[in-house]
Amino acid sequence: MCSLVISSIGFLGSHIVEALKNCVGNSNQVIGVLDIVKPLDNKVIAGVEYFEGDIVDEARTIEILKSFWPDIVFHTAPPIHSLPNQLSIPKQEYNAYHHTKAIAEKLVPGQNVSMINRWIWQMAQAFENGQHNIQIGNNANPVDYAYAGNVAYVHVLAGEQLLSNSDKVAGEMFFMTNSQPMPQWDFHQLVFRELGDNSLKKIVVLPHWLRMIMATIAELWSKITGTLVNLMCFTVKFVTSVQWYNIDKARRLLNYDSPVSLEEGVK
């Protein structure tokens, strides 16, 4: 299988390259990577061909595709950060992350014709600031996270199935998690323990309604002063909502099972 990974120097992309390299039973694996810049010498993976280019440069992208001619393309390029704000802030609360994921899910079946680290760092900052003992809500909402290596692994499985059983998987969308739903704040405590928490501080539970009032006041203060605030109503809703998904479809069609547990992934 000849695979091209776009943005393979990044977080998910680098895991996909490693998963492809470690793919058992595929001695003919050919791997190419395309990114805006080539990796540093100490980050270069032996046996991988690197291409430098910008995917918004159509001519360069086509040139690379024609020269490498991949069987499968893993597209993991994220939006570019720190660009000038070209759109006005929406009047209603809006989360671009979930919205664009929904748009992507609509695009996949529509284009099917014949021819998924930042959150962890926020928790690390909370631990550093001594805020890790503050809990919002009653911790009754299960959440299912995913280890990056498992996400990369399921991408490889999807690529293999797309080439061998395209009738079954082409144009399909899959939920992908570790399939280990746990209460939101239990996961937070798991991360905090790995960061060195000795569990001596008493957990302070702030009711959902109280935190919403505090967030509303913070947002009003932000509008008045023009300063940024970390506590927003959306954040409170996000950390108190149920967020787990059934991955039986991935198990059935991709033969997926999480090789790395959530506990191992956090480590």
C-alpha atoms as a PDB file:
ATOM      1  CA  MET A   1       0.000   0.000   0.000  1.00  0.00           C
ATOM      2  CA  CYS A   2       1.290   3.435  -0.943  1.00  0.00           C
ATOM      3  CA  SER A   3       0.162   6.020   1.610  1.00  0.00           C
ATOM      4  CA  LEU A   4       0.513   9.802   1.696  1.00  0.00           C
ATOM      5  CA  VAL A   5       0.003  11.528   5.040  1.00  0.00           C
ATOM      6  CA  ILE A   6      -0.766  15.247   4.883  1.00  0.00           C
ATOM      7  CA  SER A   7       0.498  17.273   7.849  1.00  0.00           C
ATOM      8  CA  SER A   8       2.410  14.285   9.164  1.00  0.00           C
ATOM      9  CA  ILE A   9       4.749  16.393  11.298  1.00  0.00           C
ATOM     10  CA  GLY A  10       1.769  17.302  13.493  1.00  0.00           C
ATOM     11  CA  PHE A  11       0.250  15.449  16.434  1.00  0.00           C
ATOM     12  CA  LEU A  12      -2.168  13.010  14.763  1.00  0.00           C
ATOM     13  CA  GLY A  13      -0.234  12.827  11.503  1.00  0.00           C
ATOM     14  CA  SER A  14       2.979  11.711  13.199  1.00  0.00           C
ATOM     15  CA  HIS A  15       1.076   8.941  14.992  1.00  0.00           C
ATOM     16  CA  ILE A  16      -0.397   7.773  11.675  1.00  0.00           C
ATOM     17  CA  VAL A  17       3.078   7.578  10.120  1.00  0.00           C
ATOM     18  CA  GLU A  18       4.282   5.491  13.080  1.00  0.00           C
ATOM     19  CA  ALA A  19       1.207   3.247  12.808  1.00  0.00           C
ATOM     20  CA  LEU A  20       1.851   2.715   9.100  1.00  0.00           C
ATOM     21  CA  LYS A  21       5.508   1.914   9.783  1.00  0.00           C
ATOM     22  CA  ASN A  22       4.493  -0.638  12.412  1.00  0.00           C
ATOM     23  CA  CYS A  23       1.788  -2.167  10.226  1.00  0.00           C
ATOM     24  CA  VAL A  24       2.125  -5.950  10.505  1.00  0.00           C
ATOM     25  CA  GLY A  25       1.891  -8.065   7.368  1.00  0.00           C
ATOM     26  CA  ASN A  26       2.505  -5.254   4.880  1.00  0.00           C
ATOM     27  CA  SER A  27       6.135  -5.435   3.854  1.00  0.00           C
ATOM     28  CA  ASN A  28       5.381  -3.457   0.685  1.00  0.00           C
ATOM     29  CA  GLN A  29       4.261  -0.391   2.639  1.00  0.00           C
ATOM     30  CA  VAL A  30       5.390   2.843   0.952  1.00  0.00           C
ATOM     31  CA  ILE A  31       4.932   6.018   3.000  1.00  0.00           C
ATOM     32  CA  GLY A  32       5.150   9.613   1.891  1.00  0.00           C
ATOM     33  CA  VAL A  33       4.413  12.728   3.903  1.00  0.00           C
ATOM     34  CA  LEU A  34       3.438  16.224   2.797  1.00  0.00           C
ATOM     35  CA  ASP A  35       3.792  19.257   5.017  1.00  0.00           C
ATOM     36  CA  ILE A  36       4.516  22.976   4.805  1.00  0.00           C
ATOM     37  CA  VAL A  37       8.031  22.359   6.109  1.00  0.00           C
ATOM     38  CA  LYS A  38      10.207  19.286   6.278  1.00  0.00           C
ATOM     39  CA  PRO A  39      10.975  17.889   9.747  1.00  0.00           C
ATOM     40  CA  LEU A  40      14.221  18.474  11.584  1.00  0.00           C
ATOM     41  CA  ASP A  41      16.905  15.855  10.976  1.00  0.00           C
ATOM     42  CA  ASN A  42      16.302  14.230  14.369  1.00  0.00           C
ATOM     43  CA  LYS A  43      12.593  13.895  13.545  1.00  0.00           C
ATOM     44  CA  VAL A  44      13.044  12.224  10.167  1.00  0.00           C
ATOM     45  CA  ILE A  45      11.737   8.645  10.074  1.00  0.00           C
ATOM     46  CA  ALA A  46      13.823   6.191   8.061  1.00  0.00           C
ATOM     47  CA  GLY A  47      12.114   4.821   4.976  1.00  0.00           C
ATOM     48  CA  VAL A  48       9.648   7.710   4.692  1.00  0.00           C
ATOM     49  CA  GLU A  49       9.689  10.084   1.711  1.00  0.00           C
ATOM     50  CA  TYR A  50       9.109  13.736   2.611  1.00  0.00           C
ATOM     51  CA  PHE A  51       7.531  16.379   0.370  1.00  0.00           C
ATOM     52  CA  GLU A  52       7.494  20.079   1.156  1.00  0.00           C
ATOM     53  CA  GLY A  53       4.456  22.020  -0.015  1.00  0.00           C
ATOM     54  CA  ASP A  54       1.288  23.876   0.907  1.00  0.00           C
ATOM     55  CA  ILE A  55      -1.996  22.088   0.161  1.00  0.00           C
ATOM     56  CA  VAL A  56      -3.632  25.401  -0.774  1.00  0.00           C
ATOM     57  CA  ASP A  57      -1.100  25.566  -3.620  1.00  0.00           C
ATOM     58  CA  GLU A  58      -3.051  23.463  -6.105  1.00  0.00           C
ATOM     59  CA  ALA A  59      -0.282  23.157  -8.681  1.00  0.00           C
ATOM     60  CA  ARG A  60       2.285  21.980  -6.110  1.00  0.00           C
ATOM     61  CA  THR A  61      -0.170  19.534  -4.534  1.00  0.00           C
ATOM     62  CA  ILE A  62      -1.053  17.995  -7.907  1.00  0.00           C
ATOM     63  CA  GLU A  63       2.643  17.772  -8.765  1.00  0.00           C
ATOM     64  CA  ILE A  64       3.336  15.797  -5.578  1.00  0.00           C
ATOM     65  CA  LEU A  65       0.324  13.526  -6.075  1.00  0.00           C
ATOM     66  CA  LYS A  66       1.367  12.726  -9.636  1.00  0.00           C
ATOM     67  CA  SER A  67       4.977  12.031  -8.665  1.00  0.00           C
ATOM     68  CA  PHE A  68       4.134   9.859  -5.657  1.00  0.00           C
ATOM     69  CA  TRP A  69       0.791   8.470  -6.849  1.00  0.00           C
ATOM     70  CA  PRO A  70      -0.581   7.214  -3.492  1.00  0.00           C
ATOM     71  CA  ASP A  71      -3.239   4.531  -3.099  1.00  0.00           C
ATOM     72  CA  ILE A  72      -4.605   6.300  -0.034  1.00  0.00           C
ATOM     73  CA  VAL A  73      -4.303   9.805   1.410  1.00  0.00           C
ATOM     74  CA  PHE A  74      -4.581  10.543   5.141  1.00  0.00           C
ATOM     75  CA  HIS A  75      -5.565  14.201   5.433  1.00  0.00           C
ATOM     76  CA  THR A  76      -4.829  15.545   8.928  1.00  0.00           C
ATOM     77  CA  ALA A  77      -3.913  19.171   8.169  1.00  0.00           C
ATOM     78  CA  PRO A  78      -5.493  21.469  10.788  1.00  0.00           C
ATOM     79  CA  PRO A  79      -6.621  25.064  10.262  1.00  0.00           C
ATOM     80  CA  ILE A  80      -3.805  27.615  10.413  1.00  0.00           C
ATOM     81  CA  HIS A  81      -3.739  29.460  13.731  1.00  0.00           C
ATOM     82  CA  SER A  82      -2.950  33.117  14.384  1.00  0.00           C
ATOM     83  CA  LEU A  83      -4.330  34.375  11.084  1.00  0.00           C
ATOM     84  CA  PRO A  84      -5.994  37.809  10.953  1.00  0.00           C
ATOM     85  CA  ASN A  85      -9.638  37.814  12.063  1.00  0.00           C
ATOM     86  CA  GLN A  86     -11.603  38.147   8.832  1.00  0.00           C
ATOM     87  CA  LEU A  87     -15.026  37.340  10.255  1.00  0.00           C
ATOM     88  CA  SER A  88     -16.994  39.194  12.886  1.00  0.00           C
ATOM     89  CA  ILE A  89     -17.719  37.479  16.203  1.00  0.00           C
ATOM     90  CA  PRO A  90     -21.169  35.803  16.011  1.00  0.00           C
ATOM     91  CA  LYS A  91     -23.926  37.295  18.118  1.00  0.00           C
ATOM     92  CA  GLN A  92     -25.039  33.855  19.273  1.00  0.00           C
ATOM     93  CA  GLU A  93     -22.765  31.367  21.019  1.00  0.00           C
ATOM     94  CA  TYR A  94     -20.991  29.267  18.427  1.00  0.00           C
ATOM     95  CA  ASN A  95     -18.480  26.421  18.548  1.00  0.00           C
ATOM     96  CA  ALA A  96     -16.569  26.109  15.293  1.00  0.00           C
ATOM     97  CA  TYR A  97     -14.921  22.821  16.326  1.00  0.00           C
ATOM     98  CA  HIS A  98     -18.126  20.788  16.504  1.00  0.00           C
ATOM     99  CA  HIS A  99     -19.748  22.637  13.606  1.00  0.00           C
ATOM    100  CA  THR A 100     -16.897  21.934  11.189  1.00  0.00           C
ATOM    101  CA  LYS A 101     -16.832  18.268  12.244  1.00  0.00           C
ATOM    102  CA  ALA A 102     -20.529  18.065  11.329  1.00  0.00           C
ATOM    103  CA  ILE A 103     -19.826  19.713   7.964  1.00  0.00           C
ATOM    104  CA  ALA A 104     -17.049  17.180   7.314  1.00  0.00           C
ATOM    105  CA  GLU A 105     -19.429  14.302   8.039  1.00  0.00           C
ATOM    106  CA  LYS A 106     -21.849  15.680   5.442  1.00  0.00           C
ATOM    107  CA  LEU A 107     -19.056  16.075   2.885  1.00  0.00           C
ATOM    108  CA  VAL A 108     -17.869  12.451   3.086  1.00  0.00           C
ATOM    109  CA  PRO A 109     -20.992  10.696   1.711  1.00  0.00           C
ATOM    110  CA  GLY A 110     -21.557  13.564  -0.717  1.00  0.00           C
ATOM    111  CA  GLN A 111     -18.112  13.069  -2.275  1.00  0.00           C
ATOM    112  CA  ASN A 112     -18.315   9.266  -2.336  1.00  0.00           C
ATOM    113  CA  VAL A 113     -18.585   8.529  -6.046  1.00  0.00           C
ATOM    114  CA  SER A 114     -17.208   5.744  -8.224  1.00  0.00           C
ATOM    115  CA  MET A 115     -13.741   6.398  -9.765  1.00  0.00           C
ATOM    116  CA  ILE A 116      -9.775  13.105  14.742  1.00  0.00           C
ATOM    117  CA  ASN A 117      -3.691  17.836  22.740  1.00  0.00           C
ATOM    118  CA  ARG A 118      -4.799  21.162  23.692  1.00  0.00           C
ATOM    119  CA  TRP A 119      -7.254  20.016  26.416  1.00  0.00           C
ATOM    120  CA  ILE A 120      -4.536  18.112  28.274  1.00  0.00           C
ATOM    121  CA  TRP A 121      -2.356  21.243  28.413  1.00  0.00           C
ATOM    122  CA  GLN A 122      -5.245  23.233  29.880  1.00  0.00           C
ATOM    123  CA  MET A 123      -5.556  20.640  32.637  1.00  0.00           C
ATOM    124  CA  ALA A 124      -1.797  20.796  33.201  1.00  0.00           C
ATOM    125  CA  GLN A 125      -2.088  24.561  33.604  1.00  0.00           C
ATOM    126  CA  ALA A 126      -4.941  24.119  36.096  1.00  0.00           C
ATOM    127  CA  PHE A 127      -2.740  21.724  38.081  1.00  0.00           C
ATOM    128  CA  GLU A 128       0.174  24.159  38.002  1.00  0.00           C
ATOM    129  CA  ASN A 129      -2.105  26.939  39.283  1.00  0.00           C
ATOM    130  CA  GLY A 130      -3.436  24.758  42.107  1.00  0.00           C
ATOM    131  CA  GLN A 131      -6.958  24.682  40.654  1.00  0.00           C
ATOM    132  CA  HIS A 132      -7.156  20.943  40.082  1.00  0.00           C
ATOM    133  CA  ASN A 133      -9.335  20.345  43.143  1.00  0.00           C
ATOM    134  CA  ILE A 134     -12.213  22.421  41.745  1.00  0.00           C
ATOM    135  CA  GLN A 135     -15.032  20.387  40.200  1.00  0.00           C
ATOM    136  CA  ILE A 136     -17.993  21.750  38.261  1.00  0.00           C
ATOM    137  CA  GLY A 137     -21.242  19.807  38.610  1.00  0.00           C
ATOM    138  CA  ASN A 138     -22.032  16.447  40.183  1.00  0.00           C
ATOM    139  CA  ASN A 139     -19.697  14.385  37.942  1.00  0.00           C
ATOM    140  CA  ALA A 140     -22.597  12.305  36.638  1.00  0.00           C
ATOM    141  CA  ASN A 141     -21.843  12.913  32.949  1.00  0.00           C
ATOM    142  CA  PRO A 142     -19.845  10.155  31.200  1.00  0.00           C
ATOM    143  CA  VAL A 143     -17.245  11.250  28.642  1.00  0.00           C
ATOM    144  CA  ASP A 144     -15.262   9.036  26.260  1.00  0.00           C
ATOM    145  CA  TYR A 145     -11.815  10.273  25.233  1.00  0.00           C
ATOM    146  CA  ALA A 146      -9.415   8.821  22.662  1.00  0.00           C
ATOM    147  CA  TYR A 147      -5.657   8.240  22.723  1.00  0.00           C
ATOM    148  CA  ALA A 148      -3.903   9.680  19.643  1.00  0.00           C
ATOM    149  CA  GLY A 149      -2.184   6.378  18.884  1.00  0.00           C
ATOM    150  CA  ASN A 150      -5.561   4.632  18.747  1.00  0.00           C
ATOM    151  CA  VAL A 151      -6.927   7.336  16.447  1.00  0.00           C
ATOM    152  CA  ALA A 152      -3.949   6.798  14.141  1.00  0.00           C
ATOM    153  CA  TYR A 153      -4.461   3.032  14.273  1.00  0.00           C
ATOM    154  CA  VAL A 154      -8.102   3.265  13.195  1.00  0.00           C
ATOM    155  CA  HIS A 155      -7.076   5.556  10.315  1.00  0.00           C
ATOM    156  CA  VAL A 156      -4.738   2.818   9.079  1.00  0.00           C
ATOM    157  CA  LEU A 157      -7.501   0.212   9.424  1.00  0.00           C
ATOM    158  CA  ALA A 158      -9.871   2.467   7.489  1.00  0.00           C
ATOM    159  CA  GLY A 159      -7.289   2.907   4.732  1.00  0.00           C
ATOM    160  CA  GLU A 160      -6.765  -0.842   4.437  1.00  0.00           C
ATOM    161  CA  GLN A 161     -10.508  -1.517   4.315  1.00  0.00           C
ATOM    162  CA  LEU A 162     -11.029   1.278   1.789  1.00  0.00           C
ATOM    163  CA  LEU A 163      -8.613  -0.463  -0.570  1.00  0.00           C
ATOM    164  CA  SER A 164      -9.778  -4.040   0.043  1.00  0.00           C
ATOM    165  CA  ASN A 165     -13.502  -3.655   0.868  1.00  0.00           C
ATOM    166  CA  SER A 166     -14.462  -0.258  -0.504  1.00  0.00           C
ATOM    167  CA  ASP A 167     -18.104  -1.258  -1.035  1.00  0.00           C
ATOM    168  CA  LYS A 168     -18.528  -1.612   2.729  1.00  0.00           C
ATOM    169  CA  VAL A 169     -16.672   1.435   4.025  1.00  0.00           C
ATOM    170  CA  ALA A 170     -16.476   4.038   1.235  1.00  0.00           C
ATOM    171  CA  GLY A 171     -18.363   7.196   2.194  1.00  0.00           C
ATOM    172  CA  GLU A 172     -18.987   5.974   5.730  1.00  0.00           C
ATOM    173  CA  MET A 173     -18.411   7.977   8.926  1.00  0.00           C
ATOM    174  CA  PHE A 174     -17.154   6.378  12.126  1.00  0.00           C
ATOM    175  CA  PHE A 175     -17.180   7.419  15.747  1.00  0.00           C
ATOM    176  CA  MET A 176     -13.783   6.659  17.225  1.00  0.00           C
ATOM    177  CA  THR A 177     -13.041   6.668  20.942  1.00  0.00           C
ATOM    178  CA  ASN A 178     -11.227   4.506  23.465  1.00  0.00           C
ATOM    179  CA  SER A 179     -14.626   3.016  24.333  1.00  0.00           C
ATOM    180  CA  GLN A 180     -13.925   3.659  28.018  1.00  0.00           C
ATOM    181  CA  PRO A 181     -16.583   6.188  29.055  1.00  0.00           C
ATOM    182  CA  MET A 182     -15.981   7.559  32.535  1.00  0.00           C
ATOM    183  CA  PRO A 183     -17.277  10.519  34.542  1.00  0.00           C
ATOM    184  CA  GLN A 184     -15.722  13.754  33.294  1.00  0.00           C
ATOM    185  CA  TRP A 185     -13.899  14.628  36.506  1.00  0.00           C
ATOM    186  CA  ASP A 186     -12.669  11.073  37.016  1.00  0.00           C
ATOM    187  CA  PHE A 187     -10.684  11.531  33.816  1.00  0.00           C
ATOM    188  CA  HIS A 188      -9.390  14.874  35.063  1.00  0.00           C
ATOM    189  CA  GLN A 189      -8.197  13.237  38.278  1.00  0.00           C
ATOM    190  CA  LEU A 190      -6.510  10.516  36.225  1.00  0.00           C
ATOM    191  CA  VAL A 191      -4.503  13.198  34.415  1.00  0.00           C
ATOM    192  CA  PHE A 192      -3.759  15.098  37.623  1.00  0.00           C
ATOM    193  CA  ARG A 193      -2.383  11.945  39.276  1.00  0.00           C
ATOM    194  CA  GLU A 194       0.029  11.474  36.371  1.00  0.00           C
ATOM    195  CA  LEU A 195       1.084  15.103  36.816  1.00  0.00           C
ATOM    196  CA  GLY A 196       1.970  14.389  40.449  1.00  0.00           C
ATOM    197  CA  ASP A 197      -1.228  15.029  42.414  1.00  0.00           C
ATOM    198  CA  ASN A 198      -1.041  13.345  45.830  1.00  0.00           C
ATOM    199  CA  SER A 199      -4.831  13.671  46.356  1.00  0.00           C
ATOM    200  CA  LEU A 200      -4.357  15.508  49.654  1.00  0.00           C
ATOM    201  CA  LYS A 201      -6.450  18.513  48.617  1.00  0.00           C
ATOM    202  CA  LYS A 202     -10.180  18.222  49.216  1.00  0.00           C
ATOM    203  CA  ILE A 203     -12.317  18.369  46.081  1.00  0.00           C
ATOM    204  CA  VAL A 204     -14.448  21.509  46.022  1.00  0.00           C
ATOM    205  CA  VAL A 205     -17.696  20.884  44.125  1.00  0.00           C
ATOM    206  CA  LEU A 206     -19.313  23.931  42.546  1.00  0.00           C
ATOM    207  CA  PRO A 207     -22.941  23.341  41.482  1.00  0.00           C
ATOM    208  CA  HIS A 208     -23.698  23.722  37.793  1.00  0.00           C
ATOM    209  CA  TRP A 209     -26.130  26.593  38.397  1.00  0.00           C
ATOM    210  CA  LEU A 210     -23.589  28.533  40.483  1.00  0.00           C
ATOM    211  CA  ARG A 211     -20.848  28.137  37.885  1.00  0.00           C
ATOM    212  CA  MET A 212     -23.258  29.280  35.164  1.00  0.00           C
ATOM    213  CA  ILE A 213     -23.991  32.461  37.127  1.00  0.00           C
ATOM    214  CA  MET A 214     -20.256  33.057  37.594  1.00  0.00           C
ATOM    215  CA  ALA A 215     -19.642  32.454  33.881  1.00  0.00           C
ATOM    216  CA  THR A 216     -22.428  34.846  32.893  1.00  0.00           C
ATOM    217  CA  ILE A 217     -20.942  37.567  35.100  1.00  0.00           C
ATOM    218  CA  ALA A 218     -17.474  36.872  33.664  1.00  0.00           C
ATOM    219  CA  GLU A 219     -18.780  37.193  30.103  1.00  0.00           C
ATOM    220  CA  LEU A 220     -20.518  40.484  30.930  1.00  0.00           C
ATOM    221  CA  TRP A 221     -17.300  41.775  32.491  1.00  0.00           C
ATOM    222  CA  SER A 222     -15.411  40.734  29.375  1.00  0.00           C
ATOM    223  CA  LYS A 223     -17.801  42.716  27.180  1.00  0.00           C
ATOM    224  CA  ILE A 224     -17.517  45.791  29.392  1.00  0.00           C
ATOM    225  CA  THR A 225     -13.735  45.789  29.767  1.00  0.00           C
ATOM    226  CA  GLY A 226     -12.721  44.086  26.530  1.00  0.00           C
ATOM    227  CA  THR A 227     -10.589  41.568  28.423  1.00  0.00           C
ATOM    228  CA  LEU A 228     -10.478  37.835  27.770  1.00  0.00           C
ATOM    229  CA  VAL A 229     -11.902  35.361  30.290  1.00  0.00           C
ATOM    230  CA  ASN A 230     -11.375  31.608  30.538  1.00  0.00           C
ATOM    231  CA  LEU A 231     -14.675  30.910  32.253  1.00  0.00           C
ATOM    232  CA  MET A 232     -17.551  30.991  29.760  1.00  0.00           C
ATOM    233  CA  CYS A 233     -21.061  29.553  29.767  1.00  0.00           C
ATOM    234  CA  PHE A 234     -20.111  27.260  26.896  1.00  0.00           C
ATOM    235  CA  THR A 235     -17.212  25.841  28.925  1.00  0.00           C
ATOM    236  CA  VAL A 236     -19.519  25.051  31.847  1.00  0.00           C
ATOM    237  CA  LYS A 237     -21.991  23.327  29.519  1.00  0.00           C
ATOM    238  CA  PHE A 238     -19.171  21.428  27.829  1.00  0.00           C
ATOM    239  CA  VAL A 239     -17.674  19.937  31.012  1.00  0.00           C
ATOM    240  CA  THR A 240     -21.090  18.951  32.406  1.00  0.00           C
ATOM    241  CA  SER A 241     -22.529  17.357  29.244  1.00  0.00           C
ATOM    242  CA  VAL A 242     -22.713  13.663  28.361  1.00  0.00           C
ATOM    243  CA  GLN A 243     -20.200  12.959  25.583  1.00  0.00           C
ATOM    244  CA  TRP A 244     -19.747   9.319  24.758  1.00  0.00           C
ATOM    245  CA  TYR A 245     -20.383   7.479  21.529  1.00  0.00           C
ATOM    246  CA  ASN A 246     -21.126   3.969  20.278  1.00  0.00           C
ATOM    247  CA  ILE A 247     -18.194   2.652  18.230  1.00  0.00           C
ATOM    248  CA  ASP A 248     -19.764  -0.697  17.265  1.00  0.00           C
ATOM    249  CA  LYS A 249     -19.741   0.354  13.607  1.00  0.00           C
ATOM    250  CA  ALA A 250     -15.948   0.789  13.679  1.00  0.00           C
ATOM    251  CA  ARG A 251     -15.592  -2.562  15.415  1.00  0.00           C
ATOM    252  CA  ARG A 252     -17.797  -4.286  12.859  1.00  0.00           C
ATOM    253  CA  LEU A 253     -16.543  -2.749   9.614  1.00  0.00           C
ATOM    254  CA  LEU A 254     -12.941  -1.875  10.501  1.00  0.00           C
ATOM    255  CA  ASN A 255     -12.206  -4.658  13.010  1.00  0.00           C
ATOM    256  CA  TYR A 256     -11.186  -1.947  15.448  1.00  0.00           C
ATOM    257  CA  ASP A 257     -10.433  -2.441  19.120  1.00  0.00           C
ATOM    258  CA  SER A 258      -8.482   0.028  21.257  1.00  0.00           C
ATOM    259  CA  PRO A 259      -4.905  -1.327  21.528  1.00  0.00           C
ATOM    260  CA  VAL A 260      -3.925   1.286  24.149  1.00  0.00           C
ATOM    261  CA  SER A 261      -6.073   1.865  27.240  1.00  0.00           C
ATOM    262  CA  LEU A 262      -6.976   5.346  28.432  1.00  0.00           C
ATOM    263  CA  GLU A 263      -4.795   4.905  31.521  1.00  0.00           C
ATOM    264  CA  GLU A 264      -1.787   3.947  29.376  1.00  0.00           C
ATOM    265  CA  GLY A 265      -2.529   6.774  26.958  1.00  0.00           C
ATOM    266  CA  VAL A 266      -2.512   9.395  29.715  1.00  0.00           C
ATOM    267  CA  LYS A 267       0.900   8.145  30.859  1.00  0.00           C
END
